Amino acid sequence: MAVSKILVVDDDRFARTFCRQILEEDGGFEVVDAESVDDGLEIIRQGGIDLVISDLVMPDKTGLDMVEILRLEHPSLRVILITGHGTVETAVKAMKIGALDYIRKPLNPAEFKIVVHRALEQSKLAEENRELRSSLKLYDASSRISRTIEIEELYQIIFDLMIQETGATRGFLYIVDQEQGESNIILSEGFDVQENEGLDRKLLDEFQQELAHLSEPFIPDHPLTTTVKYRSSLDPVQSSLFIPLQNKNELAGVVVFFDTEKNGVFGKEALRVSKFLCQHASTALENAMLYSQAKILTITDDLTNVFNYRYLNNILDRELVRAQRLNSSMSVLFLDLDSFKEVNDKHGHLLGSKILVELAGLLKGAVRKVDAVARYGGDEYIVVLTDTNSKGAVIVAERIRQMVEDYIFTESEGYPIKLTVSIGVASYPEHGVSKVELLHLADEAMYKGKFGRKNIVYVATPGEQTLTGPVDPPISPDTA
């Protein structure tokens, strides 16, 4: 049976002793006492007190002061006030500001015990209700996490819920790409990431050994050496909370919350809720990753792993809308390998397929992450350049042309092959305003180069006659 710990606060030593004797008579109580409100508050702040019994009238701070302070610092801690000089008005005021009960001296031992037992019972019920409400709240949070399968949305929900449930005010979500060997902050709260460049690395490097095998949230037991620039000052990180996000037992990311205040918000409760959310987040991440991979398969070319023709339409629609909204520009590069059919005829389609894969890799490496590479059909590729006019597009196209000319294809297969590429360029709004126009003009420009001297970048001619219908890719992926 758990023993309840009761604090008696009274400036009268006899009154404190009398209360102790009454409470300890039946057992089941551990009683500590203090002769002033300040001494009592110090004991409370050390933790473990289940109930406070305080005299109303004392020198300096009174029992009402005790109730007011505890209402702010420990709102769940119940207080019984005792006095021999109080009035009904005082009792009413005490109850209004948070006192649980009010007893007048001289104490009746039987009545006193009943009041104390009732107070502890109410505290127990209140705690159970709080735990129930907390559990229901966490269940609702975990349901929101479990229902989300879009990976970007899931990261946002995980981060927001963890901030909300732990009471954190500053932190970031740091993701790890195991395949690419890259990692970066994707979400942050309460501090300027740009003013604190490298903060993620500093915090994670300080606990590199712990994070390497981290499977559950943990709170470091000492201040960190890392400082945070906040409101034009550098403050040391006093408390922190690290929450791992796992996918199939591999670290997919870390949520890091930190505080520069000495009495930080991270304690047992923050650890409990973050552990609960962490478990559900890991399951949801695994599902979201599987969904993301399946989604990628529907929009990528089976052979080259760049975007396929079907998804190219979506990319063009999106970028045209964006360029129109921002009064910006965008460009399309239409690429075709010169004399690729001869390579297929001489070396076979298997080697030809390897060349197409290597070309796709070259193209992805030659453009920015915001740009898009798609296989249009056969040995034809489309590159969509965001926020790029024709002048910039020609620079990119020429870089690609030179890169292909210098590259030795299928060298690892023992068949070193040199090839060149012809590239057509069309830009919005300079050459056309629809995806049909841009694709056709870039295609026409590419063919002018291909059936001219080849190995050339050719820019579309504004006002050239365009098709009015959809532009379809070649029927066979291996036709030149």
Protein backbone atom coordinates (compact mmCIF):
# COMPACT_ATOMS: atom_id res chain seq x y z
CA MET A 1 0.00 0.00 0.00
CA ALA A 2 1.41 3.42 -1.01
CA VAL A 3 2.09 5.83 1.83
CA SER A 4 0.80 9.39 1.29
CA LYS A 5 3.24 12.17 2.11
CA ILE A 6 1.63 15.15 3.87
CA LEU A 7 3.21 18.55 4.55
CA VAL A 8 2.02 20.52 7.58
CA VAL A 9 2.85 24.24 7.54
CA ASP A 10 2.28 26.20 10.77
CA ASP A 11 4.34 28.71 12.74
CA ASP A 12 3.06 27.09 15.98
CA ARG A 13 5.26 24.11 16.85
CA PHE A 14 2.56 22.58 19.11
CA ALA A 15 0.00 22.72 16.27
CA ARG A 16 2.42 20.97 13.90
CA THR A 17 3.11 18.24 16.48
CA PHE A 18 -0.59 17.75 17.16
CA CYS A 19 -1.36 17.34 13.45
CA ARG A 20 1.48 14.84 13.10
CA GLN A 21 0.22 12.76 16.05
CA ILE A 22 -3.32 12.61 14.70
CA LEU A 23 -2.20 11.60 11.20
CA GLU A 24 0.40 9.06 12.25
CA GLU A 25 -1.94 7.40 14.74
CA ASP A 26 -3.56 5.14 12.14
CA GLY A 27 -0.46 4.73 9.95
CA GLY A 28 -0.49 5.10 6.16
CA PHE A 29 0.85 8.67 6.29
CA GLU A 30 4.32 10.16 6.19
CA VAL A 31 4.27 13.63 7.72
CA VAL A 32 6.82 16.41 7.24
CA ASP A 33 6.44 19.94 8.59
CA ALA A 34 7.60 23.51 8.09
CA GLU A 35 7.17 26.65 10.20
CA SER A 36 6.77 29.10 7.30
CA VAL A 37 5.32 29.26 3.80
CA ASP A 38 8.77 29.73 2.25
CA ASP A 39 10.14 26.65 4.05
CA GLY A 40 7.07 24.68 2.98
CA LEU A 41 7.45 25.74 -0.66
CA GLU A 42 11.07 24.60 -0.63
CA ILE A 43 9.99 21.13 0.54
CA ILE A 44 7.22 21.01 -2.11
CA ARG A 45 9.66 21.91 -4.88
CA GLN A 46 11.77 18.90 -3.98
CA GLY A 47 8.79 16.74 -4.97
CA GLY A 48 6.83 13.86 -3.46
CA ILE A 49 4.19 15.82 -1.48
CA ASP A 50 0.62 14.53 -1.89
CA LEU A 51 -1.27 17.00 0.32
CA VAL A 52 -0.59 20.31 2.10
CA ILE A 53 -2.17 21.30 5.40
CA SER A 54 -1.46 24.95 6.20
CA ASP A 55 -2.35 27.39 8.94
CA LEU A 56 -4.16 30.42 7.57
CA VAL A 57 -2.60 33.14 9.74
CA MET A 58 1.21 33.19 9.90
CA PRO A 59 3.91 35.89 9.96
CA ASP A 60 5.09 37.11 6.54
CA LYS A 61 3.27 34.91 4.01
CA THR A 62 -0.14 33.50 4.97
CA GLY A 63 -1.98 30.32 4.10
CA LEU A 64 -3.80 32.25 1.35
CA ASP A 65 -0.41 33.19 -0.10
CA MET A 66 0.49 29.50 -0.06
CA VAL A 67 -2.67 28.63 -2.02
CA GLU A 68 -2.02 31.43 -4.57
CA ILE A 69 1.59 30.32 -5.17
CA LEU A 70 0.71 26.64 -5.46
CA ARG A 71 -2.09 27.42 -7.90
CA LEU A 72 0.62 28.68 -10.28
CA GLU A 73 3.49 26.32 -9.48
CA HIS A 74 1.68 23.07 -8.60
CA PRO A 75 -1.97 23.40 -9.65
CA SER A 76 -2.71 19.73 -8.97
CA LEU A 77 -1.52 19.83 -5.32
CA ARG A 78 -4.45 20.04 -2.84
CA VAL A 79 -4.38 22.39 0.18
CA ILE A 80 -6.41 22.25 3.41
CA LEU A 81 -6.41 25.47 5.47
CA ILE A 82 -6.69 25.51 9.28
CA THR A 83 -7.32 28.52 11.57
CA GLY A 84 -8.86 29.55 14.84
CA HIS A 85 -9.41 33.16 13.79
CA GLY A 86 -11.02 32.90 10.39
CA THR A 87 -14.41 34.11 9.23
CA VAL A 88 -16.89 32.77 6.72
CA GLU A 89 -15.70 35.40 4.21
CA THR A 90 -12.10 34.20 4.62
CA ALA A 91 -13.19 30.61 4.10
CA VAL A 92 -15.11 31.53 0.95
CA LYS A 93 -12.08 33.44 -0.42
CA ALA A 94 -9.79 30.51 0.34
CA MET A 95 -12.05 28.09 -1.53
CA LYS A 96 -12.38 30.47 -4.49
CA ILE A 97 -8.65 30.75 -5.01
CA GLY A 98 -8.10 27.02 -4.86
CA ALA A 99 -8.12 25.66 -1.29
CA LEU A 100 -9.73 22.24 -1.13
CA ASP A 101 -11.18 22.52 2.37
CA TYR A 102 -11.25 24.69 5.48
CA ILE A 103 -11.11 23.51 9.15
CA ARG A 104 -11.34 25.60 12.33
CA LYS A 105 -9.33 25.09 15.49
CA PRO A 106 -9.37 23.41 17.91
CA LEU A 107 -9.07 20.32 15.77
CA ASN A 108 -11.38 17.38 16.25
CA PRO A 109 -9.13 14.35 15.50
CA ALA A 110 -11.93 12.24 13.97
CA GLU A 111 -13.19 15.10 11.80
CA PHE A 112 -9.61 16.01 10.82
CA LYS A 113 -8.87 12.47 9.65
CA ILE A 114 -12.07 12.38 7.58
CA VAL A 115 -11.18 15.65 5.85
CA VAL A 116 -7.62 14.45 5.11
CA HIS A 117 -8.79 11.06 3.78
CA ARG A 118 -11.40 12.78 1.62
CA ALA A 119 -8.79 15.22 0.25
CA LEU A 120 -6.39 12.42 -0.66
CA GLU A 121 -9.19 10.44 -2.29
CA GLN A 122 -10.16 13.47 -4.36
CA SER A 123 -6.51 14.00 -5.33
CA LYS A 124 -6.28 10.38 -6.41
CA LEU A 125 -9.44 10.67 -8.51
CA ALA A 126 -8.25 13.94 -10.03
CA GLU A 127 -4.92 12.35 -10.93
CA GLU A 128 -6.68 9.38 -12.50
CA ASN A 129 -8.87 11.78 -14.49
CA ARG A 130 -5.82 13.72 -15.60
CA GLU A 131 -4.11 10.51 -16.69
CA LEU A 132 -7.28 9.43 -18.51
CA ARG A 133 -7.58 12.79 -20.29
CA SER A 134 -3.90 12.67 -21.15
CA SER A 135 -4.23 9.12 -22.49
CA LEU A 136 -7.25 10.06 -24.59
CA LYS A 137 -5.40 13.09 -25.91
CA LEU A 138 -2.38 10.97 -26.79
CA TYR A 139 -4.62 8.36 -28.39
CA ASP A 140 -6.17 11.06 -30.57
CA ALA A 141 -2.68 12.31 -31.46
CA SER A 142 -1.50 8.81 -32.36
CA SER A 143 -4.62 8.32 -34.50
CA ARG A 144 -3.78 11.47 -36.48
CA ILE A 145 -0.26 10.15 -37.00
CA SER A 146 -1.46 6.69 -38.04
CA ARG A 147 -3.97 8.09 -40.57
CA THR A 148 -1.33 10.08 -42.46
CA ILE A 149 0.52 8.41 -45.34
CA GLU A 150 1.97 11.41 -47.19
CA ILE A 151 5.53 11.63 -45.88
CA GLU A 152 5.86 15.45 -45.87
CA GLU A 153 2.52 15.88 -44.11
CA LEU A 154 3.44 13.15 -41.64
CA TYR A 155 6.68 14.88 -40.62
CA GLN A 156 4.74 18.11 -40.00
CA ILE A 157 2.08 16.36 -37.88
CA ILE A 158 4.69 14.45 -35.85
CA PHE A 159 6.63 17.65 -35.15
CA ASP A 160 3.56 19.73 -34.25
CA LEU A 161 2.10 17.07 -31.93
CA MET A 162 5.40 16.51 -30.15
CA ILE A 163 5.75 20.26 -29.53
CA GLN A 164 2.20 20.39 -28.23
CA GLU A 165 2.42 17.37 -25.95
CA THR A 166 5.90 17.96 -24.51
CA GLY A 167 5.44 21.68 -23.94
CA ALA A 168 8.57 22.47 -25.96
CA THR A 169 9.06 25.97 -27.37
CA ARG A 170 12.21 25.52 -29.47
CA GLY A 171 13.49 22.67 -31.59
CA PHE A 172 13.82 21.10 -35.01
CA LEU A 173 13.14 17.95 -36.98
CA TYR A 174 16.25 16.55 -38.59
CA ILE A 175 15.91 13.83 -41.23
CA VAL A 176 18.53 11.32 -42.32
CA ASP A 177 18.74 9.91 -45.84
CA GLN A 178 20.64 6.65 -45.38
CA GLU A 179 20.92 5.96 -49.13
CA GLN A 180 22.20 9.41 -50.13
CA GLY A 181 24.24 9.89 -46.95
CA GLU A 182 22.60 13.29 -46.45
CA SER A 183 20.80 14.89 -43.52
CA ASN A 184 19.21 18.26 -42.89
CA ILE A 185 16.68 20.24 -40.86
CA ILE A 186 13.27 20.25 -42.54
CA LEU A 187 11.15 21.80 -39.75
CA SER A 188 11.98 24.18 -36.90
CA GLU A 189 10.27 26.18 -34.19
CA GLY A 190 11.23 29.00 -31.83
CA PHE A 191 14.63 29.96 -33.25
CA ASP A 192 16.19 31.24 -36.47
CA VAL A 193 17.85 28.35 -38.32
CA GLN A 194 19.89 30.69 -40.53
CA GLU A 195 21.30 32.59 -37.54
CA ASN A 196 22.23 29.27 -35.93
CA GLU A 197 23.90 27.57 -38.90
CA GLY A 198 25.25 24.17 -37.95
CA LEU A 199 23.25 23.99 -34.70
CA ASP A 200 21.85 20.60 -35.70
CA ARG A 201 25.31 19.18 -36.28
CA LYS A 202 26.65 20.61 -33.01
CA LEU A 203 23.80 19.16 -30.96
CA LEU A 204 23.91 15.79 -32.70
CA ASP A 205 27.71 15.56 -32.66
CA GLU A 206 27.75 16.19 -28.92
CA PHE A 207 25.67 13.04 -28.47
CA GLN A 208 26.95 11.10 -31.46
CA GLN A 209 27.64 7.93 -29.48
CA GLU A 210 24.22 7.96 -27.80
CA LEU A 211 22.37 8.69 -31.03
CA ALA A 212 24.11 5.87 -32.89
CA HIS A 213 22.11 3.35 -30.85
CA LEU A 214 19.16 5.55 -29.91
CA SER A 215 15.82 3.77 -30.04
CA GLU A 216 13.90 5.69 -27.36
CA PRO A 217 13.70 9.37 -26.34
CA PHE A 218 16.27 10.53 -23.83
CA ILE A 219 17.02 13.66 -21.79
CA PRO A 220 20.71 14.48 -21.17
CA ASP A 221 21.43 14.91 -17.46
CA HIS A 222 23.69 17.93 -17.90
CA PRO A 223 23.75 21.29 -19.75
CA LEU A 224 25.11 21.14 -23.29
CA THR A 225 28.24 22.91 -24.50
CA THR A 226 26.27 24.17 -27.53
CA THR A 227 25.02 27.76 -27.52
CA VAL A 228 22.00 29.22 -29.33
CA LYS A 229 21.80 32.70 -30.80
CA TYR A 230 18.49 34.06 -29.64
CA ARG A 231 17.41 37.70 -29.46
CA SER A 232 20.93 38.90 -30.29
CA SER A 233 22.56 36.95 -27.46
CA LEU A 234 24.31 33.60 -27.19
CA ASP A 235 22.71 31.38 -24.57
CA PRO A 236 23.88 27.91 -23.54
CA VAL A 237 21.46 25.02 -24.00
CA GLN A 238 20.47 24.08 -20.44
CA SER A 239 18.08 21.24 -21.15
CA SER A 240 17.25 19.14 -24.19
CA LEU A 241 15.15 16.21 -25.37
CA PHE A 242 16.14 13.88 -28.23
CA ILE A 243 13.38 11.83 -29.88
CA PRO A 244 14.42 9.28 -32.55
CA LEU A 245 12.24 8.56 -35.57
CA GLN A 246 12.85 5.10 -36.95
CA ASN A 247 11.92 3.25 -40.11
CA LYS A 248 12.43 -0.52 -39.94
CA ASN A 249 14.84 -0.13 -37.00
CA GLU A 250 16.97 2.39 -38.91
CA LEU A 251 17.29 6.02 -37.86
CA ALA A 252 15.15 8.10 -40.24
CA GLY A 253 15.38 11.31 -38.28
CA VAL A 254 15.58 12.97 -34.87
CA VAL A 255 13.32 15.52 -33.21
CA VAL A 256 15.44 17.73 -30.96
CA PHE A 257 13.85 20.10 -28.43
CA PHE A 258 16.01 22.42 -26.35
CA ASP A 259 15.70 25.19 -23.78
CA THR A 260 18.10 27.85 -22.56
CA GLU A 261 16.34 28.18 -19.18
CA LYS A 262 17.95 26.39 -16.25
CA ASN A 263 14.64 24.89 -15.13
CA GLY A 264 13.71 23.44 -18.51
CA VAL A 265 10.36 21.92 -19.44
CA PHE A 266 11.71 18.42 -20.02
CA GLY A 267 10.98 15.90 -17.30
CA LYS A 268 9.34 12.51 -16.77
CA GLU A 269 6.04 13.58 -18.34
CA ALA A 270 7.72 14.92 -21.50
CA LEU A 271 9.68 11.69 -21.72
CA ARG A 272 6.53 9.59 -21.28
CA VAL A 273 4.47 11.32 -23.98
CA SER A 274 7.37 11.55 -26.43
CA LYS A 275 8.03 7.82 -26.00
CA PHE A 276 4.38 7.06 -26.74
CA LEU A 277 4.31 9.31 -29.83
CA CYS A 278 7.72 8.03 -30.93
CA GLN A 279 6.45 4.44 -31.13
CA HIS A 280 3.42 5.41 -33.22
CA ALA A 281 5.49 7.73 -35.40
CA SER A 282 7.91 4.93 -36.29
CA THR A 283 5.08 2.67 -37.47
CA ALA A 284 3.50 5.50 -39.44
CA LEU A 285 6.85 6.39 -41.03
CA GLU A 286 7.33 2.82 -42.22
CA ASN A 287 3.87 2.88 -43.85
CA ALA A 288 4.45 6.32 -45.35
CA MET A 289 7.81 5.26 -46.79
CA LEU A 290 6.20 2.21 -48.42
CA TYR A 291 3.45 4.41 -49.85
CA SER A 292 6.01 6.93 -51.09
CA GLN A 293 8.01 4.19 -52.80
CA ALA A 294 4.86 2.81 -54.45
CA LYS A 295 3.90 6.32 -55.54
CA ILE A 296 7.36 6.88 -57.02
CA LEU A 297 7.01 3.70 -59.08
CA THR A 298 3.89 5.11 -60.77
CA ILE A 299 5.63 8.33 -61.85
CA THR A 300 9.08 7.05 -62.79
CA ASP A 301 10.42 5.28 -65.82
CA ASP A 302 11.06 1.59 -65.11
CA LEU A 303 14.42 1.56 -66.84
CA THR A 304 16.07 4.87 -65.98
CA ASN A 305 14.36 5.90 -62.71
CA VAL A 306 13.77 9.43 -63.98
CA PHE A 307 10.18 10.72 -64.34
CA ASN A 308 8.06 9.05 -66.98
CA TYR A 309 6.07 10.68 -69.80
CA ARG A 310 2.77 10.54 -67.90
CA TYR A 311 4.16 12.48 -64.97
CA LEU A 312 5.90 14.94 -67.30
CA ASN A 313 2.47 16.42 -68.07
CA ASN A 314 1.93 17.13 -64.38
CA ILE A 315 5.36 18.73 -64.06
CA LEU A 316 4.76 21.01 -67.04
CA ASP A 317 1.30 22.01 -65.79
CA ARG A 318 2.68 22.80 -62.33
CA GLU A 319 5.66 24.81 -63.55
CA LEU A 320 3.61 26.79 -66.06
CA VAL A 321 1.09 27.74 -63.37
CA ARG A 322 3.93 28.72 -61.06
CA ALA A 323 5.66 30.81 -63.73
CA GLN A 324 2.39 32.57 -64.58
CA ARG A 325 1.61 33.28 -60.92
CA LEU A 326 5.07 34.65 -60.16
CA ASN A 327 5.45 36.39 -63.53
CA SER A 328 8.56 34.29 -63.99
CA SER A 329 9.93 32.01 -66.69
CA MET A 330 10.59 28.33 -67.26
CA SER A 331 12.28 26.34 -70.01
CA VAL A 332 12.09 22.94 -71.67
CA LEU A 333 15.08 21.06 -73.08
CA PHE A 334 14.33 18.30 -75.62
CA LEU A 335 17.28 15.87 -75.93
CA ASP A 336 17.95 13.06 -78.35
CA LEU A 337 21.07 10.87 -78.62
CA ASP A 338 22.72 11.12 -82.01
CA SER A 339 23.09 7.83 -83.93
CA PHE A 340 21.67 5.77 -81.06
CA LYS A 341 19.93 3.38 -83.45
CA GLU A 342 23.32 2.37 -84.86
CA VAL A 343 24.53 1.50 -81.36
CA ASN A 344 21.45 -0.68 -80.80
CA ASP A 345 21.92 -2.41 -84.17
CA LYS A 346 25.60 -3.07 -83.53
CA HIS A 347 25.67 -3.92 -79.81
CA GLY A 348 22.11 -4.94 -79.04
CA HIS A 349 19.30 -3.47 -76.99
CA LEU A 350 20.71 -4.61 -73.64
CA LEU A 351 23.78 -2.42 -74.01
CA GLY A 352 21.55 0.32 -75.45
CA SER A 353 19.45 0.19 -72.29
CA LYS A 354 22.56 0.60 -70.13
CA ILE A 355 23.47 3.69 -72.15
CA LEU A 356 20.02 5.16 -71.50
CA VAL A 357 20.45 4.56 -67.76
CA GLU A 358 23.87 6.24 -67.73
CA LEU A 359 22.52 9.20 -69.73
CA ALA A 360 19.70 9.64 -67.20
CA GLY A 361 22.30 9.75 -64.42
CA LEU A 362 24.29 12.39 -66.30
CA LEU A 363 21.21 14.54 -66.78
CA LYS A 364 20.18 14.37 -63.12
CA GLY A 365 23.68 15.35 -62.09
CA ALA A 366 23.72 18.30 -64.49
CA VAL A 367 20.63 20.11 -63.16
CA ARG A 368 19.35 21.43 -59.84
CA LYS A 369 17.12 19.52 -57.43
CA VAL A 370 14.24 21.88 -58.27
CA ASP A 371 14.49 20.94 -61.96
CA ALA A 372 13.02 17.75 -63.42
CA VAL A 373 14.32 15.09 -65.81
CA ALA A 374 11.88 12.83 -67.65
CA ARG A 375 12.24 10.12 -70.26
CA TYR A 376 10.01 11.11 -73.17
CA GLY A 377 10.42 7.85 -75.05
CA GLY A 378 13.19 5.78 -76.63
CA ASP A 379 16.40 7.79 -76.35
CA GLU A 380 14.59 11.11 -75.96
CA TYR A 381 14.59 13.00 -72.67
CA ILE A 382 12.93 16.18 -71.45
CA VAL A 383 14.48 18.51 -68.86
CA VAL A 384 12.20 21.09 -67.22
CA LEU A 385 14.10 24.06 -65.81
CA THR A 386 12.36 26.12 -63.11
CA ASP A 387 12.77 29.94 -63.06
CA THR A 388 15.00 29.78 -66.14
CA ASN A 389 14.77 31.91 -69.28
CA SER A 390 16.14 30.91 -72.70
CA LYS A 391 19.55 32.44 -72.00
CA GLY A 392 19.96 30.39 -68.82
CA ALA A 393 18.51 27.31 -70.52
CA VAL A 394 21.11 27.49 -73.31
CA ILE A 395 23.88 27.58 -70.71
CA VAL A 396 22.49 24.44 -69.05
CA ALA A 397 21.94 22.73 -72.42
CA GLU A 398 25.47 23.48 -73.56
CA ARG A 399 26.83 22.09 -70.30
CA ILE A 400 24.87 18.88 -70.87
CA ARG A 401 25.97 18.66 -74.51
CA GLN A 402 29.63 18.98 -73.52
CA MET A 403 29.23 16.52 -70.66
CA VAL A 404 27.76 13.86 -72.97
CA GLU A 405 30.44 14.46 -75.62
CA ASP A 406 33.20 13.94 -73.03
CA TYR A 407 31.61 10.91 -71.40
CA ILE A 408 32.51 7.29 -72.22
CA PHE A 409 29.37 5.13 -72.05
CA THR A 410 29.30 1.48 -70.87
CA GLU A 411 33.04 1.56 -70.15
CA SER A 412 32.51 -0.72 -67.15
CA GLU A 413 30.89 -3.28 -69.50
CA GLY A 414 34.04 -3.47 -71.63
CA TYR A 415 32.40 -1.64 -74.55
CA PRO A 416 33.56 1.98 -74.38
CA ILE A 417 31.19 4.00 -76.54
CA LYS A 418 31.32 7.71 -77.39
CA LEU A 419 28.07 9.48 -78.24
CA THR A 420 26.76 13.00 -78.71
CA VAL A 421 23.40 14.62 -78.10
CA SER A 422 21.28 17.18 -79.92
CA ILE A 423 19.25 19.53 -77.72
CA GLY A 424 16.32 21.80 -78.51
CA VAL A 425 15.41 24.70 -76.19
CA ALA A 426 12.02 26.41 -75.76
CA SER A 427 11.09 28.87 -73.00
CA TYR A 428 7.97 30.34 -71.44
CA PRO A 429 6.81 32.98 -72.20
CA GLU A 430 9.37 33.83 -74.91
CA HIS A 431 8.53 30.98 -77.29
CA GLY A 432 5.20 29.59 -76.10
CA VAL A 433 2.63 29.76 -73.32
CA SER A 434 1.30 26.18 -73.22
CA LYS A 435 2.97 22.83 -72.65
CA VAL A 436 1.92 21.67 -76.13
CA GLU A 437 3.65 24.68 -77.70
CA LEU A 438 6.78 24.35 -75.60
CA LEU A 439 7.18 20.61 -76.22
CA HIS A 440 6.59 20.94 -79.94
CA LEU A 441 8.93 23.93 -80.35
CA ALA A 442 11.69 22.26 -78.31
CA ASP A 443 11.19 19.07 -80.34
CA GLU A 444 11.36 20.97 -83.63
CA ALA A 445 14.49 22.81 -82.48
CA MET A 446 16.12 19.51 -81.50
CA TYR A 447 15.37 17.97 -84.93
CA LYS A 448 16.84 20.98 -86.72
CA GLY A 449 20.07 20.27 -84.89
CA LYS A 450 19.84 16.48 -85.21
CA PHE A 451 19.35 16.56 -88.98
CA GLY A 452 21.89 19.33 -89.38
CA ARG A 453 25.36 18.80 -87.99
CA LYS A 454 24.24 17.09 -84.74
CA ASN A 455 25.93 17.52 -81.35
CA ILE A 456 24.40 20.98 -81.06
CA VAL A 457 22.08 23.13 -78.93
CA TYR A 458 19.34 24.71 -81.01
CA VAL A 459 16.93 27.37 -79.70
CA ALA A 460 13.30 27.46 -80.83
CA THR A 461 12.11 30.17 -83.18
CA PRO A 462 9.33 32.35 -81.65
CA GLY A 463 6.09 32.27 -83.64
CA GLU A 464 6.90 29.02 -85.40
CA GLN A 465 3.83 26.95 -86.28
CA THR A 466 2.91 24.58 -83.45
CA LEU A 467 0.71 21.56 -83.02
CA THR A 468 -2.74 21.98 -81.53
CA GLY A 469 -3.11 18.52 -80.04
CA PRO A 470 -1.16 16.48 -77.45
CA VAL A 471 2.41 15.49 -78.19
CA ASP A 472 2.82 11.71 -77.87
CA PRO A 473 6.14 9.91 -77.31
CA PRO A 474 7.45 7.32 -79.77
CA ILE A 475 5.61 4.02 -79.61
CA SER A 476 8.76 1.90 -79.16
CA PRO A 477 11.25 2.87 -76.43
CA ASP A 478 14.12 1.69 -78.59
CA THR A 479 13.45 3.61 -81.79
CA ALA A 480 15.73 6.47 -82.63
